[in-house]
Amino acid sequence: MRAIWKGTLLAESDDTVVVEGNHYFPAESMRREYFRASEHQSVCPWKGTASYYDVIVDGEVNTHAAWYYPTPKEAAIEIKGRVAFWRGVEVTA
């Protein structure tokens, strides 16, 4: 699977975990130069508290376009150490 925004490859892996229709990529598959930590958080009742990254390509910022669960609840332990995408980031095979 590949995560692409503005024609730029953000992450690529054959080892994604699909939860609620979202592909969670291993954190080590991220091309870190395109990510900036965000202070934004959200809470899922069964997964826990999500943290976010802004995605930056050619100076353009896609705010909170990637998320991860630093300490997921037991029901979502399979996504620990993984990141997912939205807000226009295309995830394709």
PDB file of N, CA and C in Angstrom:
ATOM      1  N   MET A   1       0.841  -1.186   0.000  1.00  0.00           N
ATOM      2  CA  MET A   1       0.000   0.000   0.000  1.00  0.00           C
ATOM      3  C   MET A   1       0.883   1.244   0.000  1.00  0.00           C
ATOM      4  N   ARG A   2       0.338   2.294  -0.588  1.00  0.00           N
ATOM      5  CA  ARG A   2       1.055   3.560  -0.679  1.00  0.00           C
ATOM      6  C   ARG A   2       0.140   4.688  -0.225  1.00  0.00           C
ATOM      7  N   ALA A   3       0.690   5.647   0.510  1.00  0.00           N
ATOM      8  CA  ALA A   3      -0.027   6.854   0.908  1.00  0.00           C
ATOM      9  C   ALA A   3       0.610   8.011   0.148  1.00  0.00           C
ATOM     10  N   ILE A   4      -0.215   8.740  -0.646  1.00  0.00           N
ATOM     11  CA  ILE A   4       0.295   9.787  -1.529  1.00  0.00           C
ATOM     12  C   ILE A   4      -0.536  11.052  -1.359  1.00  0.00           C
ATOM     13  N   TRP A   5       0.140  12.183  -1.290  1.00  0.00           N
ATOM     14  CA  TRP A   5      -0.537  13.486  -1.277  1.00  0.00           C
ATOM     15  C   TRP A   5       0.230  14.438  -2.169  1.00  0.00           C
ATOM     16  N   LYS A   6      -0.486  15.128  -3.047  1.00  0.00           N
ATOM     17  CA  LYS A   6       0.127  16.085  -3.980  1.00  0.00           C
ATOM     18  C   LYS A   6       1.215  15.414  -4.811  1.00  0.00           C
ATOM     19  N   GLY A   7       1.005  14.126  -5.167  1.00  0.00           N
ATOM     20  CA  GLY A   7       1.964  13.398  -5.983  1.00  0.00           C
ATOM     21  C   GLY A   7       3.201  12.936  -5.249  1.00  0.00           C
ATOM     22  N   THR A   8       3.234  13.123  -3.938  1.00  0.00           N
ATOM     23  CA  THR A   8       4.407  12.764  -3.137  1.00  0.00           C
ATOM     24  C   THR A   8       4.114  11.529  -2.290  1.00  0.00           C
ATOM     25  N   LEU A   9       5.009  10.564  -2.336  1.00  0.00           N
ATOM     26  CA  LEU A   9       4.879   9.349  -1.541  1.00  0.00           C
ATOM     27  C   LEU A   9       5.192   9.653  -0.081  1.00  0.00           C
ATOM     28  N   LEU A  10       4.202   9.437   0.789  1.00  0.00           N
ATOM     29  CA  LEU A  10       4.370   9.700   2.227  1.00  0.00           C
ATOM     30  C   LEU A  10       4.763   8.452   2.996  1.00  0.00           C
ATOM     31  N   ALA A  11       4.210   7.299   2.572  1.00  0.00           N
ATOM     32  CA  ALA A  11       4.494   6.027   3.245  1.00  0.00           C
ATOM     33  C   ALA A  11       4.202   4.902   2.266  1.00  0.00           C
ATOM     34  N   GLU A  12       4.917   3.793   2.436  1.00  0.00           N
ATOM     35  CA  GLU A  12       4.700   2.630   1.578  1.00  0.00           C
ATOM     36  C   GLU A  12       5.015   1.374   2.369  1.00  0.00           C
ATOM     37  N   SER A  13       4.107   0.386   2.296  1.00  0.00           N
ATOM     38  CA  SER A  13       4.326  -0.862   3.026  1.00  0.00           C
ATOM     39  C   SER A  13       3.406  -1.960   2.508  1.00  0.00           C
ATOM     40  N   ASP A  14       3.903  -3.185   2.559  1.00  0.00           N
ATOM     41  CA  ASP A  14       3.075  -4.361   2.266  1.00  0.00           C
ATOM     42  C   ASP A  14       2.439  -4.886   3.548  1.00  0.00           C
ATOM     43  N   ASP A  15       2.713  -4.227   4.668  1.00  0.00           N
ATOM     44  CA  ASP A  15       2.260  -4.684   5.980  1.00  0.00           C
ATOM     45  C   ASP A  15       1.378  -3.622   6.633  1.00  0.00           C
ATOM     46  N   THR A  16       0.159  -3.451   6.109  1.00  0.00           N
ATOM     47  CA  THR A  16      -0.775  -2.528   6.747  1.00  0.00           C
ATOM     48  C   THR A  16      -1.835  -3.324   7.488  1.00  0.00           C
ATOM     49  N   VAL A  17      -2.416  -2.698   8.486  1.00  0.00           N
ATOM     50  CA  VAL A  17      -3.520  -3.297   9.256  1.00  0.00           C
ATOM     51  C   VAL A  17      -4.747  -2.431   8.980  1.00  0.00           C
ATOM     52  N   VAL A  18      -5.840  -3.058   8.547  1.00  0.00           N
ATOM     53  CA  VAL A  18      -7.050  -2.310   8.223  1.00  0.00           C
ATOM     54  C   VAL A  18      -8.004  -2.343   9.417  1.00  0.00           C
ATOM     55  N   VAL A  19      -8.374  -1.159   9.887  1.00  0.00           N
ATOM     56  CA  VAL A  19      -9.331  -0.996  10.979  1.00  0.00           C
ATOM     57  C   VAL A  19     -10.326   0.071  10.546  1.00  0.00           C
ATOM     58  N   GLU A  20     -11.594  -0.267  10.582  1.00  0.00           N
ATOM     59  CA  GLU A  20     -12.666   0.651  10.197  1.00  0.00           C
ATOM     60  C   GLU A  20     -12.411   1.266   8.822  1.00  0.00           C
ATOM     61  N   GLY A  21     -11.884   0.458   7.899  1.00  0.00           N
ATOM     62  CA  GLY A  21     -11.654   0.903   6.532  1.00  0.00           C
ATOM     63  C   GLY A  21     -10.391   1.716   6.317  1.00  0.00           C
ATOM     64  N   ASN A  22      -9.622   1.957   7.361  1.00  0.00           N
ATOM     65  CA  ASN A  22      -8.379   2.727   7.256  1.00  0.00           C
ATOM     66  C   ASN A  22      -7.172   1.804   7.318  1.00  0.00           C
ATOM     67  N   HIS A  23      -6.227   2.023   6.415  1.00  0.00           N
ATOM     68  CA  HIS A  23      -4.977   1.268   6.426  1.00  0.00           C
ATOM     69  C   HIS A  23      -4.010   1.946   7.386  1.00  0.00           C
ATOM     70  N   TYR A  24      -3.550   1.205   8.363  1.00  0.00           N
ATOM     71  CA  TYR A  24      -2.547   1.694   9.311  1.00  0.00           C
ATOM     72  C   TYR A  24      -1.179   1.161   8.871  1.00  0.00           C
ATOM     73  N   PHE A  25      -0.297   2.095   8.525  1.00  0.00           N
ATOM     74  CA  PHE A  25       1.039   1.769   8.046  1.00  0.00           C
ATOM     75  C   PHE A  25       2.009   1.680   9.220  1.00  0.00           C
ATOM     76  N   PRO A  26       3.025   0.814   9.131  1.00  0.00           N
ATOM     77  CA  PRO A  26       4.058   0.819  10.175  1.00  0.00           C
ATOM     78  C   PRO A  26       4.736   2.193  10.217  1.00  0.00           C
ATOM     79  N   ALA A  27       4.993   2.688  11.411  1.00  0.00           N
ATOM     80  CA  ALA A  27       5.611   4.017  11.554  1.00  0.00           C
ATOM     81  C   ALA A  27       6.928   4.107  10.796  1.00  0.00           C
ATOM     82  N   GLU A  28       7.671   3.016  10.733  1.00  0.00           N
ATOM     83  CA  GLU A  28       8.965   3.055  10.044  1.00  0.00           C
ATOM     84  C   GLU A  28       8.822   3.192   8.529  1.00  0.00           C
ATOM     85  N   SER A  29       7.618   3.044   7.996  1.00  0.00           N
ATOM     86  CA  SER A  29       7.409   3.204   6.553  1.00  0.00           C
ATOM     87  C   SER A  29       7.182   4.663   6.159  1.00  0.00           C
ATOM     88  N   MET A  30       7.022   5.535   7.145  1.00  0.00           N
ATOM     89  CA  MET A  30       6.780   6.952   6.879  1.00  0.00           C
ATOM     90  C   MET A  30       8.044   7.637   6.365  1.00  0.00           C
ATOM     91  N   ARG A  31       7.876   8.525   5.403  1.00  0.00           N
ATOM     92  CA  ARG A  31       8.977   9.380   4.963  1.00  0.00           C
ATOM     93  C   ARG A  31       8.903  10.631   5.837  1.00  0.00           C
ATOM     94  N   ARG A  32       9.613  10.593   6.928  1.00  0.00           N
ATOM     95  CA  ARG A  32       9.481  11.561   8.025  1.00  0.00           C
ATOM     96  C   ARG A  32       9.674  13.024   7.627  1.00  0.00           C
ATOM     97  N   GLU A  33      10.372  13.267   6.545  1.00  0.00           N
ATOM     98  CA  GLU A  33      10.603  14.654   6.150  1.00  0.00           C
ATOM     99  C   GLU A  33       9.313  15.380   5.760  1.00  0.00           C
ATOM    100  N   TYR A  34       8.221  14.624   5.546  1.00  0.00           N
ATOM    101  CA  TYR A  34       6.944  15.238   5.168  1.00  0.00           C
ATOM    102  C   TYR A  34       5.969  15.375   6.332  1.00  0.00           C
ATOM    103  N   PHE A  35       6.408  15.078   7.543  1.00  0.00           N
ATOM    104  CA  PHE A  35       5.520  15.088   8.699  1.00  0.00           C
ATOM    105  C   PHE A  35       5.998  16.051   9.774  1.00  0.00           C
ATOM    106  N   ARG A  36       5.025  16.702  10.412  1.00  0.00           N
ATOM    107  CA  ARG A  36       5.301  17.578  11.548  1.00  0.00           C
ATOM    108  C   ARG A  36       4.291  17.228  12.633  1.00  0.00           C
ATOM    109  N   ALA A  37       4.776  17.009  13.840  1.00  0.00           N
ATOM    110  CA  ALA A  37       3.883  16.680  14.956  1.00  0.00           C
ATOM    111  C   ALA A  37       2.874  17.800  15.179  1.00  0.00           C
ATOM    112  N   SER A  38       1.658  17.420  15.484  1.00  0.00           N
ATOM    113  CA  SER A  38       0.582  18.363  15.787  1.00  0.00           C
ATOM    114  C   SER A  38       0.189  18.173  17.248  1.00  0.00           C
ATOM    115  N   GLU A  39      -0.334  19.208  17.855  1.00  0.00           N
ATOM    116  CA  GLU A  39      -0.801  19.076  19.240  1.00  0.00           C
ATOM    117  C   GLU A  39      -2.242  18.583  19.299  1.00  0.00           C
ATOM    118  N   HIS A  40      -2.872  18.433  18.136  1.00  0.00           N
ATOM    119  CA  HIS A  40      -4.268  17.996  18.067  1.00  0.00           C
ATOM    120  C   HIS A  40      -4.408  16.547  18.540  1.00  0.00           C
ATOM    121  N   GLN A  41      -5.481  16.289  19.264  1.00  0.00           N
ATOM    122  CA  GLN A  41      -5.804  14.930  19.709  1.00  0.00           C
ATOM    123  C   GLN A  41      -7.310  14.708  19.577  1.00  0.00           C
ATOM    124  N   SER A  42      -7.693  13.445  19.478  1.00  0.00           N
ATOM    125  CA  SER A  42      -9.101  13.071  19.510  1.00  0.00           C
ATOM    126  C   SER A  42      -9.206  11.762  20.283  1.00  0.00           C
ATOM    127  N   VAL A  43     -10.433  11.433  20.692  1.00  0.00           N
ATOM    128  CA  VAL A  43     -10.623  10.239  21.509  1.00  0.00           C
ATOM    129  C   VAL A  43     -11.628   9.306  20.841  1.00  0.00           C
ATOM    130  N   CYS A  44     -11.256   8.047  20.738  1.00  0.00           N
ATOM    131  CA  CYS A  44     -12.144   6.989  20.270  1.00  0.00           C
ATOM    132  C   CYS A  44     -12.457   6.114  21.474  1.00  0.00           C
ATOM    133  N   PRO A  45     -13.732   5.784  21.708  1.00  0.00           N
ATOM    134  CA  PRO A  45     -14.083   4.996  22.896  1.00  0.00           C
ATOM    135  C   PRO A  45     -13.388   3.639  22.982  1.00  0.00           C
ATOM    136  N   TRP A  46     -13.109   3.002  21.840  1.00  0.00           N
ATOM    137  CA  TRP A  46     -12.506   1.669  21.922  1.00  0.00           C
ATOM    138  C   TRP A  46     -11.036   1.619  21.517  1.00  0.00           C
ATOM    139  N   LYS A  47     -10.545   2.670  20.829  1.00  0.00           N
ATOM    140  CA  LYS A  47      -9.128   2.680  20.450  1.00  0.00           C
ATOM    141  C   LYS A  47      -8.273   3.509  21.392  1.00  0.00           C
ATOM    142  N   GLY A  48      -8.844   4.551  21.962  1.00  0.00           N
ATOM    143  CA  GLY A  48      -8.081   5.403  22.874  1.00  0.00           C
ATOM    144  C   GLY A  48      -7.898   6.804  22.324  1.00  0.00           C
ATOM    145  N   THR A  49      -6.831   7.476  22.746  1.00  0.00           N
ATOM    146  CA  THR A  49      -6.555   8.854  22.337  1.00  0.00           C
ATOM    147  C   THR A  49      -5.592   8.862  21.153  1.00  0.00           C
ATOM    148  N   ALA A  50      -6.029   9.533  20.083  1.00  0.00           N
ATOM    149  CA  ALA A  50      -5.209   9.640  18.873  1.00  0.00           C
ATOM    150  C   ALA A  50      -4.416  10.944  18.889  1.00  0.00           C
ATOM    151  N   SER A  51      -3.202  10.864  18.383  1.00  0.00           N
ATOM    152  CA  SER A  51      -2.370  12.036  18.139  1.00  0.00           C
ATOM    153  C   SER A  51      -2.242  12.201  16.629  1.00  0.00           C
ATOM    154  N   TYR A  52      -1.854  13.396  16.194  1.00  0.00           N
ATOM    155  CA  TYR A  52      -1.863  13.701  14.767  1.00  0.00           C
ATOM    156  C   TYR A  52      -0.548  14.277  14.278  1.00  0.00           C
ATOM    157  N   TYR A  53      -0.357  14.165  12.965  1.00  0.00           N
ATOM    158  CA  TYR A  53       0.731  14.824  12.252  1.00  0.00           C
ATOM    159  C   TYR A  53       0.123  15.719  11.182  1.00  0.00           C
ATOM    160  N   ASP A  54       0.744  16.857  10.940  1.00  0.00           N
ATOM    161  CA  ASP A  54       0.463  17.633   9.747  1.00  0.00           C
ATOM    162  C   ASP A  54       1.367  17.059   8.656  1.00  0.00           C
ATOM    163  N   VAL A  55       0.869  17.064   7.430  1.00  0.00           N
ATOM    164  CA  VAL A  55       1.663  16.630   6.288  1.00  0.00           C
ATOM    165  C   VAL A  55       2.055  17.887   5.508  1.00  0.00           C
ATOM    166  N   ILE A  56       3.333  17.987   5.152  1.00  0.00           N
ATOM    167  CA  ILE A  56       3.831  19.169   4.449  1.00  0.00           C
ATOM    168  C   ILE A  56       4.550  18.730   3.175  1.00  0.00           C
ATOM    169  N   VAL A  57       4.042  19.219   2.037  1.00  0.00           N
ATOM    170  CA  VAL A  57       4.647  18.926   0.738  1.00  0.00           C
ATOM    171  C   VAL A  57       4.807  20.245  -0.017  1.00  0.00           C
ATOM    172  N   ASP A  58       6.019  20.526  -0.434  1.00  0.00           N
ATOM    173  CA  ASP A  58       6.313  21.766  -1.178  1.00  0.00           C
ATOM    174  C   ASP A  58       5.758  23.003  -0.479  1.00  0.00           C
ATOM    175  N   GLY A  59       5.872  23.047   0.831  1.00  0.00           N
ATOM    176  CA  GLY A  59       5.428  24.190   1.608  1.00  0.00           C
ATOM    177  C   GLY A  59       3.940  24.240   1.879  1.00  0.00           C
ATOM    178  N   GLU A  60       3.172  23.329   1.292  1.00  0.00           N
ATOM    179  CA  GLU A  60       1.732  23.285   1.519  1.00  0.00           C
ATOM    180  C   GLU A  60       1.431  22.331   2.678  1.00  0.00           C
ATOM    181  N   VAL A  61       0.601  22.789   3.623  1.00  0.00           N
ATOM    182  CA  VAL A  61       0.317  22.019   4.832  1.00  0.00           C
ATOM    183  C   VAL A  61      -1.077  21.395   4.757  1.00  0.00           C
ATOM    184  N   ASN A  62      -1.131  20.103   5.024  1.00  0.00           N
ATOM    185  CA  ASN A  62      -2.396  19.380   5.156  1.00  0.00           C
ATOM    186  C   ASN A  62      -2.527  19.088   6.660  1.00  0.00           C
ATOM    187  N   THR A  63      -3.297  19.917   7.341  1.00  0.00           N
ATOM    188  CA  THR A  63      -3.386  19.885   8.799  1.00  0.00           C
ATOM    189  C   THR A  63      -4.033  18.603   9.313  1.00  0.00           C
ATOM    190  N   HIS A  64      -3.381  17.970  10.275  1.00  0.00           N
ATOM    191  CA  HIS A  64      -3.886  16.766  10.946  1.00  0.00           C
ATOM    192  C   HIS A  64      -4.219  15.640   9.959  1.00  0.00           C
ATOM    193  N   ALA A  65      -3.448  15.498   8.898  1.00  0.00           N
ATOM    194  CA  ALA A  65      -3.767  14.544   7.837  1.00  0.00           C
ATOM    195  C   ALA A  65      -3.364  13.108   8.156  1.00  0.00           C
ATOM    196  N   ALA A  66      -2.612  12.917   9.217  1.00  0.00           N
ATOM    197  CA  ALA A  66      -2.208  11.564   9.624  1.00  0.00           C
ATOM    198  C   ALA A  66      -2.429  11.429  11.122  1.00  0.00           C
ATOM    199  N   TRP A  67      -2.827  10.232  11.547  1.00  0.00           N
ATOM    200  CA  TRP A  67      -3.042  10.031  12.981  1.00  0.00           C
ATOM    201  C   TRP A  67      -2.516   8.674  13.421  1.00  0.00           C
ATOM    202  N   TYR A  68      -2.289   8.593  14.714  1.00  0.00           N
ATOM    203  CA  TYR A  68      -1.789   7.352  15.314  1.00  0.00           C
ATOM    204  C   TYR A  68      -2.232   7.314  16.775  1.00  0.00           C
ATOM    205  N   TYR A  69      -2.169   6.130  17.350  1.00  0.00           N
ATOM    206  CA  TYR A  69      -2.528   5.933  18.753  1.00  0.00           C
ATOM    207  C   TYR A  69      -1.268   5.533  19.514  1.00  0.00           C
ATOM    208  N   PRO A  70      -0.651   6.474  20.245  1.00  0.00           N
ATOM    209  CA  PRO A  70       0.593   6.163  20.959  1.00  0.00           C
ATOM    210  C   PRO A  70       0.428   5.025  21.967  1.00  0.00           C
ATOM    211  N   THR A  71      -0.700   5.011  22.654  1.00  0.00           N
ATOM    212  CA  THR A  71      -0.980   3.951  23.627  1.00  0.00           C
ATOM    213  C   THR A  71      -2.425   3.486  23.432  1.00  0.00           C
ATOM    214  N   PRO A  72      -2.657   2.682  22.388  1.00  0.00           N
ATOM    215  CA  PRO A  72      -4.028   2.242  22.120  1.00  0.00           C
ATOM    216  C   PRO A  72      -4.556   1.345  23.230  1.00  0.00           C
ATOM    217  N   LYS A  73      -5.869   1.333  23.356  1.00  0.00           N
ATOM    218  CA  LYS A  73      -6.497   0.415  24.298  1.00  0.00           C
ATOM    219  C   LYS A  73      -6.279  -1.019  23.820  1.00  0.00           C
ATOM    220  N   GLU A  74      -6.480  -1.966  24.708  1.00  0.00           N
ATOM    221  CA  GLU A  74      -6.229  -3.381  24.417  1.00  0.00           C
ATOM    222  C   GLU A  74      -6.973  -3.857  23.159  1.00  0.00           C
ATOM    223  N   ALA A  75      -8.192  -3.380  22.941  1.00  0.00           N
ATOM    224  CA  ALA A  75      -8.988  -3.807  21.784  1.00  0.00           C
ATOM    225  C   ALA A  75      -8.358  -3.375  20.462  1.00  0.00           C
ATOM    226  N   ALA A  76      -7.464  -2.390  20.505  1.00  0.00           N
ATOM    227  CA  ALA A  76      -6.847  -1.869  19.284  1.00  0.00           C
ATOM    228  C   ALA A  76      -5.331  -2.020  19.282  1.00  0.00           C
ATOM    229  N   ILE A  77      -4.825  -2.930  20.066  1.00  0.00           N
ATOM    230  CA  ILE A  77      -3.377  -3.077  20.222  1.00  0.00           C
ATOM    231  C   ILE A  77      -2.673  -3.341  18.891  1.00  0.00           C
ATOM    232  N   GLU A  78      -3.392  -3.897  17.918  1.00  0.00           N
ATOM    233  CA  GLU A  78      -2.782  -4.215  16.619  1.00  0.00           C
ATOM    234  C   GLU A  78      -2.340  -2.964  15.845  1.00  0.00           C
ATOM    235  N   ILE A  79      -2.823  -1.774  16.230  1.00  0.00           N
ATOM    236  CA  ILE A  79      -2.419  -0.558  15.520  1.00  0.00           C
ATOM    237  C   ILE A  79      -1.343   0.236  16.261  1.00  0.00           C
ATOM    238  N   LYS A  80      -0.832  -0.306  17.347  1.00  0.00           N
ATOM    239  CA  LYS A  80       0.267   0.359  18.063  1.00  0.00           C
ATOM    240  C   LYS A  80       1.474   0.452  17.130  1.00  0.00           C
ATOM    241  N   GLY A  81       2.086   1.632  17.077  1.00  0.00           N
ATOM    242  CA  GLY A  81       3.250   1.824  16.223  1.00  0.00           C
ATOM    243  C   GLY A  81       2.896   2.003  14.754  1.00  0.00           C
ATOM    244  N   ARG A  82       1.637   2.359  14.483  1.00  0.00           N
ATOM    245  CA  ARG A  82       1.171   2.514  13.097  1.00  0.00           C
ATOM    246  C   ARG A  82       0.488   3.854  12.905  1.00  0.00           C
ATOM    247  N   VAL A  83       0.430   4.294  11.653  1.00  0.00           N
ATOM    248  CA  VAL A  83      -0.164   5.588  11.315  1.00  0.00           C
ATOM    249  C   VAL A  83      -1.142   5.418  10.159  1.00  0.00           C
ATOM    250  N   ALA A  84      -2.239   6.192  10.192  1.00  0.00           N
ATOM    251  CA  ALA A  84      -3.252   6.174   9.138  1.00  0.00           C
ATOM    252  C   ALA A  84      -3.429   7.579   8.581  1.00  0.00           C
ATOM    253  N   PHE A  85      -4.130   7.677   7.461  1.00  0.00           N
ATOM    254  CA  PHE A  85      -4.236   8.940   6.736  1.00  0.00           C
ATOM    255  C   PHE A  85      -5.667   9.272   6.354  1.00  0.00           C
ATOM    256  N   TRP A  86      -5.923  10.563   6.144  1.00  0.00           N
ATOM    257  CA  TRP A  86      -7.186  11.053   5.628  1.00  0.00           C
ATOM    258  C   TRP A  86      -6.963  12.439   5.065  1.00  0.00           C
ATOM    259  N   ARG A  87      -8.015  13.246   4.914  1.00  0.00           N
ATOM    260  CA  ARG A  87      -7.930  14.631   4.422  1.00  0.00           C
ATOM    261  C   ARG A  87      -7.248  14.737   3.063  1.00  0.00           C
ATOM    262  N   GLY A  88      -7.665  13.876   2.148  1.00  0.00           N
ATOM    263  CA  GLY A  88      -7.150  13.961   0.787  1.00  0.00           C
ATOM    264  C   GLY A  88      -5.906  13.150   0.492  1.00  0.00           C
ATOM    265  N   VAL A  89      -5.339  12.496   1.505  1.00  0.00           N
ATOM    266  CA  VAL A  89      -4.204  11.609   1.252  1.00  0.00           C
ATOM    267  C   VAL A  89      -4.776  10.347   0.620  1.00  0.00           C
ATOM    268  N   GLU A  90      -4.262   9.997  -0.553  1.00  0.00           N
ATOM    269  CA  GLU A  90      -4.743   8.837  -1.289  1.00  0.00           C
ATOM    270  C   GLU A  90      -3.992   7.590  -0.839  1.00  0.00           C
ATOM    271  N   VAL A  91      -4.740   6.571  -0.445  1.00  0.00           N
ATOM    272  CA  VAL A  91      -4.142   5.291  -0.040  1.00  0.00           C
ATOM    273  C   VAL A  91      -4.544   4.261  -1.089  1.00  0.00           C
ATOM    274  N   THR A  92      -3.537   3.738  -1.814  1.00  0.00           N
ATOM    275  CA  THR A  92      -3.796   2.803  -2.892  1.00  0.00           C
ATOM    276  C   THR A  92      -2.822   1.644  -2.853  1.00  0.00           C
ATOM    277  N   ALA A  93      -3.197   0.585  -3.568  1.00  0.00           N
ATOM    278  CA  ALA A  93      -2.332  -0.598  -3.660  1.00  0.00           C
ATOM    279  C   ALA A  93      -1.259  -0.370  -4.694  1.00  0.00           C
TER     280      ALA A  93
END
